[in-house]
Amino acid sequence: MFSNFFKSKPKGYNDLDAKSFQEGMKNKNAVIIDVRSAGEFASGKLKGARNIDLMGNFAKQIAGLPKDKEYYLYCRSGNRSGSAAGLMASNGFENVNNLKGGIMSWPFDTV
């Protein structure tokens, strides 16, 4: 009865450390998304990042994004961006990456 209950479903996205995330951001197909609030976004972001607040109309806003790009998501700690990455993966996005530890773990420059 519970045999499938404990089987973990693949999450459909990658958790990357800061170095791997930074390398991936250089790809010409990379789209960097900050899922924090507009206020958090204004206080410092990764270069080239676009703000799509997870707590806003996230599902509606990602619906129009091309599915053939590589998405790099981050938030403050990695929790919200992990949720957002999972949502994108379940909506047919195949190349989604989450910054493990969020911007708090980012040792590189922000803008």
Protein backbone atom coordinates (compact mmCIF):
# COMPACT_ATOMS: atom_id res chain seq x y z
CA MET A 1 0.00 0.00 0.00
CA PHE A 2 2.78 2.45 0.87
CA SER A 3 5.39 1.06 -1.52
CA ASN A 4 5.41 4.14 -3.79
CA PHE A 5 4.98 6.59 -0.93
CA PHE A 6 8.66 6.71 -0.02
CA LYS A 7 10.08 6.67 -3.53
CA SER A 8 11.53 10.08 -4.23
CA LYS A 9 10.55 11.70 -7.47
CA PRO A 10 13.44 13.27 -9.40
CA LYS A 11 13.31 17.00 -8.74
CA GLY A 12 13.94 17.99 -12.37
CA TYR A 13 16.52 20.69 -11.71
CA ASN A 14 20.16 20.99 -10.61
CA ASP A 15 21.49 22.45 -7.38
CA LEU A 16 24.76 24.17 -8.23
CA ASP A 17 27.49 25.61 -6.05
CA ALA A 18 28.46 29.24 -6.65
CA LYS A 19 31.40 28.43 -8.98
CA SER A 20 29.34 26.12 -11.23
CA PHE A 21 26.45 28.61 -11.20
CA GLN A 22 28.79 31.45 -12.20
CA GLU A 23 30.24 29.35 -15.05
CA GLY A 24 26.76 28.49 -16.32
CA MET A 25 25.70 32.15 -16.27
CA LYS A 26 28.27 32.81 -19.03
CA ASN A 27 26.42 30.56 -21.51
CA LYS A 28 24.71 32.51 -24.31
CA ASN A 29 21.41 30.71 -23.56
CA ALA A 30 21.54 31.54 -19.84
CA VAL A 31 18.67 33.44 -18.24
CA ILE A 32 19.34 34.55 -14.66
CA ILE A 33 16.25 34.91 -12.47
CA ASP A 34 16.15 36.39 -8.98
CA VAL A 35 12.98 35.10 -7.29
CA ARG A 36 13.23 37.46 -4.29
CA SER A 37 10.96 40.45 -3.65
CA ALA A 38 11.53 43.71 -5.53
CA GLY A 39 12.97 45.23 -2.35
CA GLU A 40 15.49 42.42 -1.90
CA PHE A 41 16.33 42.61 -5.61
CA ALA A 42 17.02 46.36 -5.35
CA SER A 43 19.42 45.79 -2.43
CA GLY A 44 21.88 43.84 -4.61
CA LYS A 45 21.62 41.27 -7.38
CA LEU A 46 23.71 39.15 -9.71
CA LYS A 47 24.75 40.91 -12.90
CA GLY A 48 22.19 40.39 -15.67
CA ALA A 49 19.50 39.02 -13.35
CA ARG A 50 15.82 39.53 -14.02
CA ASN A 51 13.44 39.80 -11.06
CA ILE A 52 10.43 37.45 -11.03
CA ASP A 53 9.17 37.35 -7.43
CA LEU A 54 8.18 33.81 -6.43
CA MET A 55 5.53 35.28 -4.12
CA GLY A 56 4.08 37.35 -6.98
CA ASN A 57 2.55 35.93 -10.15
CA PHE A 58 5.46 33.57 -10.73
CA ALA A 59 3.59 30.80 -12.58
CA LYS A 60 1.92 33.32 -14.87
CA GLN A 61 5.19 35.15 -15.58
CA ILE A 62 7.18 32.01 -16.43
CA ALA A 63 4.42 30.74 -18.75
CA GLY A 64 5.66 33.08 -21.49
CA LEU A 65 9.34 32.18 -21.17
CA PRO A 66 11.01 30.07 -23.88
CA LYS A 67 11.61 26.50 -22.72
CA ASP A 68 14.83 26.08 -24.74
CA LYS A 69 16.92 28.42 -22.57
CA GLU A 70 19.06 27.56 -19.53
CA TYR A 71 17.61 29.06 -16.36
CA TYR A 72 19.69 30.03 -13.35
CA LEU A 73 17.56 30.84 -10.30
CA TYR A 74 18.57 32.25 -6.95
CA CYS A 75 17.11 33.84 -3.82
CA ARG A 76 18.55 34.72 -0.41
CA SER A 77 19.19 31.19 0.89
CA GLY A 78 18.27 28.80 -1.93
CA ASN A 79 14.87 27.74 -0.54
CA ARG A 80 12.57 29.94 -2.62
CA SER A 81 14.65 29.44 -5.76
CA GLY A 82 14.54 25.66 -5.16
CA SER A 83 10.73 25.85 -5.03
CA ALA A 84 10.69 28.04 -8.15
CA ALA A 85 13.06 25.66 -9.97
CA GLY A 86 10.79 22.73 -9.11
CA LEU A 87 7.78 24.65 -10.39
CA MET A 88 9.57 25.46 -13.65
CA ALA A 89 10.66 21.82 -14.07
CA SER A 90 7.09 20.61 -13.53
CA ASN A 91 5.96 23.09 -16.19
CA GLY A 92 8.20 21.59 -18.88
CA PHE A 93 11.41 23.59 -18.46
CA GLU A 94 14.25 21.11 -18.93
CA ASN A 95 17.36 23.10 -18.06
CA VAL A 96 16.81 24.70 -14.66
CA ASN A 97 19.53 25.38 -12.10
CA ASN A 98 19.30 26.56 -8.51
CA LEU A 99 22.06 28.40 -6.63
CA LYS A 100 22.67 26.18 -3.60
CA GLY A 101 22.83 28.41 -0.51
CA GLY A 102 21.42 31.40 -2.40
CA ILE A 103 23.01 34.81 -2.72
CA MET A 104 24.25 34.46 0.90
CA SER A 105 26.71 31.84 -0.40
CA TRP A 106 27.78 33.98 -3.41
CA PRO A 107 31.48 34.91 -3.03
CA PHE A 108 31.56 36.96 -6.25
CA ASP A 109 30.51 40.53 -7.06
CA THR A 110 26.91 41.69 -7.05
CA VAL A 111 25.51 44.84 -8.63
